C-alpha atoms as a PDB file:
ATOM      1  CA  MET A   1     120.897 117.901  75.539  1.00  0.00           C
ATOM      2  CA  LEU A   2     121.245 114.105  75.527  1.00  0.00           C
ATOM      3  CA  ALA A   3     121.463 114.020  79.332  1.00  0.00           C
ATOM      4  CA  SER A   4     118.274 116.035  79.572  1.00  0.00           C
ATOM      5  CA  ALA A   5     116.478 113.668  77.181  1.00  0.00           C
ATOM      6  CA  LEU A   6     117.656 110.625  79.135  1.00  0.00           C
ATOM      7  CA  LYS A   7     116.547 112.166  82.418  1.00  0.00           C
ATOM      8  CA  GLU A   8     113.089 112.901  80.999  1.00  0.00           C
ATOM      9  CA  ALA A   9     112.817 109.368  79.577  1.00  0.00           C
ATOM     10  CA  LYS A  10     113.651 107.916  83.011  1.00  0.00           C
ATOM     11  CA  ASN A  11     111.030 110.138  84.640  1.00  0.00           C
ATOM     12  CA  VAL A  12     108.398 108.944  82.159  1.00  0.00           C
ATOM     13  CA  LEU A  13     109.241 105.318  82.958  1.00  0.00           C
ATOM     14  CA  LEU A  14     109.207 105.958  86.694  1.00  0.00           C
ATOM     15  CA  ASP A  15     105.824 107.638  86.434  1.00  0.00           C
ATOM     16  CA  GLN A  16     104.473 104.488  84.804  1.00  0.00           C
ATOM     17  CA  THR A  17     105.887 102.074  87.375  1.00  0.00           C
ATOM     18  CA  THR A  18     105.674 103.973  90.659  1.00  0.00           C
ATOM     19  CA  ILE A  19     102.692 103.475  92.917  1.00  0.00           C
ATOM     20  CA  TYR A  20     101.814 106.350  95.183  1.00  0.00           C
ATOM     21  CA  ALA A  21     100.098 105.613  98.490  1.00  0.00           C
ATOM     22  CA  ASP A  22      99.512 107.406 101.742  1.00  0.00           C
ATOM     23  CA  ALA A  23     101.373 106.209 104.850  1.00  0.00           C
ATOM     24  CA  GLN A  24      98.460 104.131 106.166  1.00  0.00           C
ATOM     25  CA  THR A  25      97.942 102.289 102.873  1.00  0.00           C
ATOM     26  CA  PHE A  26     101.673 101.735 102.479  1.00  0.00           C
ATOM     27  CA  GLN A  27     101.845 100.251 105.984  1.00  0.00           C
ATOM     28  CA  LYS A  28      98.992  97.869 105.119  1.00  0.00           C
ATOM     29  CA  VAL A  29     100.948  96.689 102.077  1.00  0.00           C
ATOM     30  CA  LEU A  30     104.077  96.148 104.186  1.00  0.00           C
ATOM     31  CA  ASP A  31     102.068  94.232 106.794  1.00  0.00           C
ATOM     32  CA  TRP A  32     100.569  92.053 104.047  1.00  0.00           C
ATOM     33  CA  MET A  33     104.027  91.336 102.628  1.00  0.00           C
ATOM     34  CA  ASP A  34     105.393  90.432 106.075  1.00  0.00           C
ATOM     35  CA  ALA A  35     102.485  88.124 106.934  1.00  0.00           C
ATOM     36  CA  PRO A  36     102.628  84.391 106.168  1.00  0.00           C
ATOM     37  CA  ALA A  37     100.976  83.368 102.913  1.00  0.00           C
ATOM     38  CA  THR A  38      97.310  82.438 103.107  1.00  0.00           C
ATOM     39  CA  ALA A  39      96.078  79.045 101.917  1.00  0.00           C
ATOM     40  CA  ASP A  40      94.766  80.652  98.704  1.00  0.00           C
ATOM     41  CA  GLU A  41      98.105  82.365  98.040  1.00  0.00           C
ATOM     42  CA  THR A  42      99.995  79.116  98.650  1.00  0.00           C
ATOM     43  CA  GLU A  43      97.654  77.212  96.340  1.00  0.00           C
ATOM     44  CA  GLY A  44      98.030  79.853  93.641  1.00  0.00           C
ATOM     45  CA  MET A  45     101.824  79.791  93.890  1.00  0.00           C
ATOM     46  CA  SER A  46     101.837  75.994  93.657  1.00  0.00           C
ATOM     47  CA  ARG A  47      99.626  76.171  90.580  1.00  0.00           C
ATOM     48  CA  LEU A  48     101.992  78.698  88.966  1.00  0.00           C
ATOM     49  CA  MET A  49     105.096  76.676  89.815  1.00  0.00           C
ATOM     50  CA  ASN A  50     103.573  73.487  88.379  1.00  0.00           C
ATOM     51  CA  ALA A  51     102.251  75.092  85.192  1.00  0.00           C
ATOM     52  CA  ARG A  52     103.786  73.983  81.916  1.00  0.00           C
ATOM     53  CA  THR A  53     106.149  76.484  80.379  1.00  0.00           C
ATOM     54  CA  PRO A  54     107.039  76.977  76.710  1.00  0.00           C
ATOM     55  CA  TRP A  55     110.724  76.874  77.665  1.00  0.00           C
ATOM     56  CA  PRO A  56     112.720  74.116  79.338  1.00  0.00           C
ATOM     57  CA  ARG A  57     113.090  74.413  83.076  1.00  0.00           C
ATOM     58  CA  GLY A  58     116.603  74.125  84.299  1.00  0.00           C
END
């Protein structure tokens, strides 16, 4: 019974974190991930990396 409950709990979590897409949309996402970062993406990443954090960087 415990194994069944754990399996169902994992399925609930997977349902909340899995994105379903058709093959064409998925390929567009892969192409976007493989492409070099745009100027806006680079600027945004720099802004995030230079933001102050509430914890010490190490």
